[in-house]
Amino acid sequence: MKKLLVIMLALVMVLSLVACGKTEEKPAPVEETTPEPVSENTPEPVEEPTPEPEPVVLADDTHALWTAHGQFLLADGTENSWNGKDSELYEASALTAIALEDVKAISEDVYNALAAKEVKYLYTIDLIFGTNDAGWTTDCLINGKMYKANGSYAFKIAQCTVDVDGDNKVYSEDQWIHDPKTAHSESLTPDTLFVPVWQEEADENGFSWASNPAVIGGPGLYTLVIAQYNNASTPDQAGYGIALVLKEAKDGIAYEEILDWVAADHTYGIIGAFNGWDGDVAMEKVDDTTWTGEVELTAGDQFKVRADGAWDYSWGDPTREDGNCACEADGTYVVTISFATGEGVITVEAK
């Protein structure tokens, strides 16, 4: 019996030890994380600005260059001339193509005027007007009054083509601006630039599309800006816009106001290709408004009538681009100038 109790006790102890050897599996401890404090000075993310597109230079790819014509001075003091100048002078007087945005640095007003247009091509150049004597005059309107301006105030712009033969370049004018029938231009700065009417018949002041644009802002260095619009020239709509912005006033030649013309106070003569544009064929007085003279002309000869043997006052054919009269056939011609209407009117009849 004792023996049996001992065995049973031993068995109970063994079972207890086995039970004590078993351990409960516990889940791994979860580490607690403390959230980082949000700083009140943390900057908001900055969005990168979208870069603005580069300004587009509005260059004419259909012409070799745009060039300035007239007996003014280039910015470096070089005396310019009309068409027929040498290639070096063509290139020296060539305009520079610019972007519309570039006009802001020249004039905000001109920029705003052009921004309202559809501009196709845009060019600029610095020129000096009215400081050198061209030897002739051109008419213009200043504040509604008629003036004579020295020829160094007159100009035109030409779009040119070029023929290249080795190192030789020969430029030729493809389009004049201002030009009869094809290039109606408008003044974007009427205080400094007079642009004549774009019509074949002369207006009450004698201006037509054959008249020259003229600087009326006084002698000085100007920045000229010229734009070709997308629309074609029509009588009611300009195809080009021209602006002159004064950079530096200079001493120069004054404008001469044109007073009422008293025809009888002057003498008149005929001058032209028939005498090499040198000297006048005197005209005889018929009455206080009419003078007449005879000349021998060759077909195609051009000529004008002028007063007092000088170029301050001259008359020709206002319907022609150059303003000269021209004959169609060889012969003797009677040239008459009449001031019966107040304006000088020339008639030419074969004798």
Protein backbone atom coordinates (compact mmCIF):
# COMPACT_ATOMS: atom_id res chain seq x y z
CA MET A 1 0.00 0.00 0.00
CA LYS A 2 2.78 2.44 0.92
CA LYS A 3 4.54 1.50 -2.18
CA LEU A 4 1.48 2.26 -4.25
CA LEU A 5 1.11 5.69 -2.67
CA VAL A 6 4.75 6.51 -3.36
CA ILE A 7 4.31 5.60 -7.03
CA MET A 8 1.18 7.68 -7.38
CA LEU A 9 2.84 10.67 -5.70
CA ALA A 10 5.81 10.43 -8.04
CA LEU A 11 3.47 10.32 -11.04
CA VAL A 12 1.66 13.46 -9.87
CA MET A 13 4.98 15.33 -9.51
CA VAL A 14 6.10 14.31 -12.97
CA LEU A 15 2.84 15.57 -14.48
CA SER A 16 3.16 18.84 -12.55
CA LEU A 17 6.69 19.37 -13.84
CA VAL A 18 5.57 18.74 -17.44
CA ALA A 19 2.73 21.20 -17.00
CA CYS A 20 5.10 23.84 -15.58
CA GLY A 21 7.43 23.47 -18.59
CA LYS A 22 4.75 24.75 -21.03
CA THR A 23 4.88 28.66 -21.61
CA GLU A 24 2.23 30.82 -23.14
CA GLU A 25 3.19 32.46 -26.44
CA LYS A 26 2.76 36.18 -26.12
CA PRO A 27 2.51 38.63 -29.08
CA ALA A 28 5.59 40.76 -29.75
CA PRO A 29 5.40 44.12 -28.04
CA VAL A 30 4.32 47.00 -30.31
CA GLU A 31 6.67 49.95 -30.13
CA GLU A 32 4.80 53.13 -29.52
CA THR A 33 5.94 56.07 -31.70
CA THR A 34 5.53 59.65 -30.68
CA PRO A 35 4.37 61.83 -33.61
CA GLU A 36 6.82 64.59 -34.48
CA PRO A 37 5.54 68.03 -33.64
CA VAL A 38 4.48 70.16 -36.66
CA SER A 39 6.49 73.37 -36.79
CA GLU A 40 4.54 76.56 -37.40
CA ASN A 41 7.51 77.83 -39.53
CA THR A 42 7.48 74.97 -42.04
CA PRO A 43 7.28 76.67 -45.50
CA GLU A 44 4.53 75.79 -47.90
CA PRO A 45 5.76 74.03 -51.06
CA VAL A 46 6.55 76.58 -53.80
CA GLU A 47 5.33 75.95 -57.32
CA GLU A 48 7.95 76.64 -59.98
CA PRO A 49 6.80 79.45 -62.35
CA THR A 50 6.13 78.48 -65.93
CA PRO A 51 8.85 80.08 -68.06
CA GLU A 52 7.56 82.70 -70.51
CA PRO A 53 8.09 81.91 -74.19
CA GLU A 54 10.92 83.72 -75.98
CA PRO A 55 9.76 86.79 -77.97
CA VAL A 56 9.33 85.99 -81.65
CA VAL A 57 11.37 88.19 -84.01
CA LEU A 58 9.05 89.20 -86.87
CA ALA A 59 11.53 88.97 -89.74
CA ASP A 60 10.61 89.03 -93.42
CA ASP A 61 11.97 85.87 -95.02
CA THR A 62 10.84 86.90 -98.51
CA HIS A 63 13.29 89.81 -98.94
CA ALA A 64 17.06 90.16 -98.59
CA LEU A 65 16.69 93.26 -96.42
CA TRP A 66 14.61 96.31 -95.60
CA THR A 67 16.54 99.54 -96.11
CA ALA A 68 16.03 103.26 -95.46
CA HIS A 69 16.15 105.70 -98.38
CA GLY A 70 16.60 109.47 -98.33
CA GLN A 71 19.22 112.20 -97.96
CA PHE A 72 19.38 112.04 -94.15
CA LEU A 73 22.23 110.73 -92.01
CA LEU A 74 22.66 107.28 -90.55
CA ALA A 75 23.21 107.12 -86.80
CA ASP A 76 27.01 107.09 -87.25
CA GLY A 77 26.91 110.26 -89.37
CA THR A 78 27.14 108.56 -92.78
CA GLU A 79 25.16 110.44 -95.42
CA ASN A 80 22.50 108.19 -96.92
CA SER A 81 20.95 108.45 -100.40
CA TRP A 82 18.04 107.24 -102.50
CA ASN A 83 17.92 104.06 -104.61
CA GLY A 84 20.97 103.23 -106.69
CA LYS A 85 23.38 103.49 -103.75
CA ASP A 86 26.24 101.00 -103.51
CA SER A 87 25.84 97.64 -101.76
CA GLU A 88 27.83 98.77 -98.73
CA LEU A 89 25.45 101.66 -98.14
CA TYR A 90 22.42 99.42 -98.69
CA GLU A 91 23.64 97.17 -95.88
CA ALA A 92 24.69 100.06 -93.65
CA SER A 93 21.14 101.45 -93.87
CA ALA A 94 19.46 98.06 -93.44
CA LEU A 95 16.78 97.82 -90.75
CA THR A 96 16.88 95.24 -87.94
CA ALA A 97 14.01 92.79 -87.41
CA ILE A 98 12.64 92.81 -83.84
CA ALA A 99 9.93 91.19 -81.72
CA LEU A 100 6.78 93.05 -80.76
CA GLU A 101 7.89 92.95 -77.10
CA ASP A 102 11.07 94.86 -78.06
CA VAL A 103 8.97 97.91 -78.93
CA LYS A 104 8.17 98.44 -75.23
CA ALA A 105 11.73 99.65 -74.66
CA ILE A 106 11.32 102.17 -77.50
CA SER A 107 7.86 103.52 -76.68
CA GLU A 108 4.95 102.13 -74.67
CA ASP A 109 2.50 104.10 -76.83
CA VAL A 110 3.88 102.64 -80.05
CA TYR A 111 3.85 99.16 -78.50
CA ASN A 112 0.19 99.56 -77.51
CA ALA A 113 -0.70 100.77 -81.01
CA LEU A 114 1.00 97.79 -82.64
CA ALA A 115 -0.34 95.30 -80.10
CA ALA A 116 -3.82 96.19 -81.34
CA LYS A 117 -2.81 95.22 -84.88
CA GLU A 118 -2.00 91.91 -86.53
CA VAL A 119 1.68 92.50 -87.26
CA LYS A 120 3.38 90.32 -89.85
CA TYR A 121 6.86 91.88 -90.03
CA LEU A 122 8.51 94.41 -87.70
CA TYR A 123 11.74 96.40 -88.18
CA THR A 124 13.66 99.32 -86.64
CA ILE A 125 16.61 101.64 -87.28
CA ASP A 126 18.10 104.84 -85.78
CA LEU A 127 18.39 107.79 -88.21
CA ILE A 128 19.32 111.50 -88.06
CA PHE A 129 16.92 113.87 -89.83
CA GLY A 130 17.10 117.58 -90.63
CA THR A 131 20.75 118.35 -89.86
CA ASN A 132 22.20 118.28 -93.40
CA ASP A 133 21.06 120.25 -96.45
CA ALA A 134 19.66 117.97 -99.17
CA GLY A 135 19.38 120.87 -101.62
CA TRP A 136 15.61 120.57 -102.13
CA THR A 137 12.39 120.78 -100.13
CA THR A 138 9.25 118.76 -99.57
CA ASP A 139 5.84 119.90 -98.34
CA CYS A 140 4.27 118.69 -95.11
CA LEU A 141 1.53 119.54 -92.62
CA ILE A 142 2.43 120.58 -89.07
CA ASN A 143 -0.48 121.26 -86.72
CA GLY A 144 -2.74 121.79 -89.70
CA LYS A 145 -0.48 124.36 -91.41
CA MET A 146 1.51 123.89 -94.61
CA TYR A 147 5.30 123.92 -94.31
CA LYS A 148 8.29 123.33 -96.54
CA ALA A 149 10.80 120.93 -95.02
CA ASN A 150 14.34 120.38 -96.19
CA GLY A 151 14.75 117.19 -98.20
CA SER A 152 16.79 115.71 -95.35
CA TYR A 153 13.48 115.33 -93.47
CA ALA A 154 11.98 113.10 -96.21
CA PHE A 155 12.40 109.32 -96.34
CA LYS A 156 10.98 106.06 -97.59
CA ILE A 157 11.59 102.42 -96.68
CA ALA A 158 12.13 99.73 -99.33
CA GLN A 159 11.92 95.96 -99.19
CA CYS A 160 14.80 94.75 -101.36
CA THR A 161 15.84 91.66 -103.29
CA VAL A 162 19.48 90.87 -104.07
CA ASP A 163 21.40 89.31 -106.95
CA VAL A 164 24.65 87.68 -105.84
CA ASP A 165 27.54 87.08 -108.24
CA GLY A 166 30.53 85.80 -106.29
CA ASP A 167 31.45 88.56 -103.86
CA ASN A 168 29.28 91.11 -105.67
CA LYS A 169 25.79 91.95 -104.43
CA VAL A 170 23.30 94.05 -106.35
CA TYR A 171 20.24 95.16 -104.37
CA SER A 172 17.02 96.31 -106.01
CA GLU A 173 13.80 97.74 -104.58
CA ASP A 174 10.88 95.31 -104.67
CA GLN A 175 8.42 97.38 -102.61
CA TRP A 176 8.52 101.06 -101.62
CA ILE A 177 6.79 102.18 -98.43
CA HIS A 178 4.93 104.65 -98.81
CA ASP A 179 4.06 103.73 -102.42
CA PRO A 180 1.23 104.38 -104.87
CA LYS A 181 -1.38 101.61 -105.13
CA THR A 182 0.59 98.92 -103.25
CA ALA A 183 1.79 100.26 -99.90
CA HIS A 184 -0.62 102.43 -97.91
CA SER A 185 1.17 103.42 -94.68
CA GLU A 186 -0.12 105.23 -91.60
CA SER A 187 1.68 107.37 -89.04
CA LEU A 188 1.67 105.83 -85.56
CA THR A 189 3.27 109.02 -84.16
CA PRO A 190 1.47 111.97 -85.84
CA ASP A 191 3.37 114.52 -83.73
CA THR A 192 6.68 113.52 -85.31
CA LEU A 193 5.77 111.96 -88.67
CA PHE A 194 3.62 113.29 -91.52
CA VAL A 195 2.32 110.64 -93.95
CA PRO A 196 0.51 111.97 -97.05
CA VAL A 197 -2.95 110.83 -98.08
CA TRP A 198 -3.10 107.54 -100.02
CA GLN A 199 -5.06 108.59 -103.06
CA GLU A 200 -4.30 109.25 -106.71
CA GLU A 201 -5.96 112.68 -106.91
CA ALA A 202 -4.23 115.45 -104.96
CA ASP A 203 -6.18 116.73 -101.96
CA GLU A 204 -6.88 120.40 -101.17
CA ASN A 205 -3.28 120.81 -99.96
CA GLY A 206 -1.74 119.20 -103.00
CA PHE A 207 -0.88 115.90 -101.29
CA SER A 208 -1.37 112.51 -102.93
CA TRP A 209 0.21 109.08 -102.69
CA ALA A 210 3.14 110.45 -104.74
CA SER A 211 4.11 112.80 -101.87
CA ASN A 212 6.89 111.90 -99.44
CA PRO A 213 6.46 111.01 -95.77
CA ALA A 214 8.29 113.69 -93.77
CA VAL A 215 9.66 114.10 -90.26
CA ILE A 216 7.88 116.97 -88.47
CA GLY A 217 9.29 116.55 -84.97
CA GLY A 218 12.32 118.77 -85.57
CA PRO A 219 15.96 117.93 -86.29
CA GLY A 220 17.35 115.03 -84.27
CA LEU A 221 18.21 111.37 -83.86
CA TYR A 222 15.09 109.21 -84.14
CA THR A 223 14.28 105.55 -83.71
CA LEU A 224 12.14 104.51 -86.66
CA VAL A 225 9.79 101.54 -86.23
CA ILE A 226 7.95 100.10 -89.22
CA ALA A 227 5.44 97.25 -89.23
CA GLN A 228 3.82 95.39 -92.09
CA TYR A 229 0.33 94.25 -91.16
CA ASN A 230 -1.30 90.98 -92.15
CA ASN A 231 -3.94 92.85 -94.13
CA ALA A 232 -3.35 94.22 -97.62
CA SER A 233 -3.33 97.96 -98.34
CA THR A 234 -6.67 99.47 -99.35
CA PRO A 235 -7.87 103.08 -99.53
CA ASP A 236 -9.61 102.61 -96.18
CA GLN A 237 -7.05 100.40 -94.45
CA ALA A 238 -3.29 100.87 -94.14
CA GLY A 239 -1.07 97.89 -94.80
CA TYR A 240 1.89 99.40 -92.92
CA GLY A 241 2.46 101.46 -89.79
CA ILE A 242 5.44 103.76 -89.22
CA ALA A 243 6.54 105.41 -85.96
CA LEU A 244 9.32 107.91 -85.20
CA VAL A 245 10.48 108.26 -81.59
CA LEU A 246 12.87 111.13 -80.83
CA LYS A 247 15.99 109.96 -78.99
CA GLU A 248 18.07 113.15 -79.10
CA ALA A 249 17.21 116.63 -80.37
CA LYS A 250 19.87 118.30 -82.51
CA ASP A 251 20.56 121.66 -84.14
CA GLY A 252 19.37 121.65 -87.72
CA ILE A 253 17.29 123.19 -90.48
CA ALA A 254 14.04 124.93 -89.54
CA TYR A 255 10.74 124.34 -91.30
CA GLU A 256 9.42 127.19 -93.46
CA GLU A 257 5.73 127.99 -93.22
CA ILE A 258 4.04 128.24 -96.60
CA LEU A 259 2.10 131.48 -96.88
CA ASP A 260 -0.52 132.26 -99.49
CA TRP A 261 1.14 132.03 -102.90
CA VAL A 262 1.15 135.24 -104.92
CA ALA A 263 2.01 133.92 -108.36
CA ALA A 264 2.89 137.33 -109.85
CA ASP A 265 5.66 137.82 -107.28
CA HIS A 266 7.75 135.04 -108.85
CA THR A 267 9.43 133.94 -112.06
CA TYR A 268 9.09 130.45 -113.55
CA GLY A 269 11.23 128.11 -115.61
CA ILE A 270 11.29 124.56 -117.05
CA ILE A 271 14.05 122.16 -115.98
CA GLY A 272 14.54 118.46 -116.67
CA ALA A 273 16.38 115.64 -118.37
CA PHE A 274 16.49 117.61 -121.65
CA ASN A 275 19.07 119.97 -120.09
CA GLY A 276 20.61 117.65 -117.50
CA TRP A 277 18.50 119.22 -114.74
CA ASP A 278 20.86 122.19 -114.87
CA GLY A 279 19.47 125.66 -115.56
CA ASP A 280 15.96 126.73 -116.46
CA VAL A 281 14.20 127.50 -119.72
CA ALA A 282 12.50 130.80 -118.84
CA MET A 283 8.72 130.94 -119.14
CA GLU A 284 6.89 134.03 -120.38
CA LYS A 285 4.11 135.68 -118.43
CA VAL A 286 0.68 135.51 -120.08
CA ASP A 287 -1.21 137.18 -117.21
CA ASP A 288 -0.97 137.35 -113.40
CA THR A 289 -1.85 133.66 -113.07
CA THR A 290 -0.34 132.02 -116.17
CA TRP A 291 3.17 131.44 -117.61
CA THR A 292 4.22 129.44 -120.69
CA GLY A 293 7.38 128.14 -122.36
CA GLU A 294 8.63 125.82 -125.14
CA VAL A 295 11.09 122.92 -124.88
CA GLU A 296 12.44 120.20 -127.16
CA LEU A 297 11.84 116.82 -125.54
CA THR A 298 12.77 113.23 -126.28
CA ALA A 299 10.32 110.41 -125.56
CA GLY A 300 10.47 109.59 -121.88
CA ASP A 301 12.09 112.88 -120.83
CA GLN A 302 11.03 113.99 -117.36
CA PHE A 303 10.82 117.62 -116.27
CA LYS A 304 9.30 120.08 -113.84
CA VAL A 305 8.42 123.74 -113.55
CA ARG A 306 10.05 125.59 -110.68
CA ALA A 307 9.96 129.11 -109.29
CA ASP A 308 12.82 131.59 -109.06
CA GLY A 309 15.46 129.18 -110.39
CA ALA A 310 15.49 127.18 -107.13
CA TRP A 311 13.95 123.99 -105.74
CA ASP A 312 12.04 125.63 -102.90
CA TYR A 313 8.89 125.60 -105.06
CA SER A 314 8.34 123.23 -107.96
CA TRP A 315 5.42 121.61 -109.80
CA GLY A 316 5.02 118.44 -111.85
CA ASP A 317 2.57 115.59 -112.32
CA PRO A 318 1.08 114.64 -108.92
CA THR A 319 -0.24 111.34 -110.30
CA ARG A 320 3.28 109.99 -110.88
CA GLU A 321 5.28 108.40 -108.07
CA ASP A 322 8.30 110.65 -108.70
CA GLY A 323 6.12 113.76 -109.14
CA ASN A 324 7.74 114.67 -112.46
CA CYS A 325 6.08 115.38 -115.79
CA ALA A 326 7.04 113.10 -118.70
CA CYS A 327 6.50 113.16 -122.46
CA GLU A 328 5.61 110.16 -124.61
CA ALA A 329 7.17 111.13 -127.95
CA ASP A 330 9.95 113.27 -129.41
CA GLY A 331 8.95 116.81 -130.29
CA THR A 332 8.51 120.44 -129.34
CA TYR A 333 6.17 120.99 -126.42
CA VAL A 334 4.40 124.02 -124.98
CA VAL A 335 4.43 123.85 -121.18
CA THR A 336 1.99 126.04 -119.28
CA ILE A 337 1.57 126.61 -115.56
CA SER A 338 -1.61 128.22 -114.28
CA PHE A 339 -2.50 129.44 -110.78
CA ALA A 340 -6.09 130.32 -111.68
CA THR A 341 -7.40 127.89 -109.06
CA GLY A 342 -4.79 128.88 -106.47
CA GLU A 343 -2.68 125.75 -107.00
CA GLY A 344 -0.08 125.42 -109.74
CA VAL A 345 -1.47 123.24 -112.54
CA ILE A 346 0.72 122.20 -115.49
CA THR A 347 -0.49 121.40 -118.98
CA VAL A 348 1.74 120.05 -121.75
CA GLU A 349 0.81 120.19 -125.45
CA ALA A 350 2.75 119.07 -128.51
CA LYS A 351 3.37 121.98 -130.86
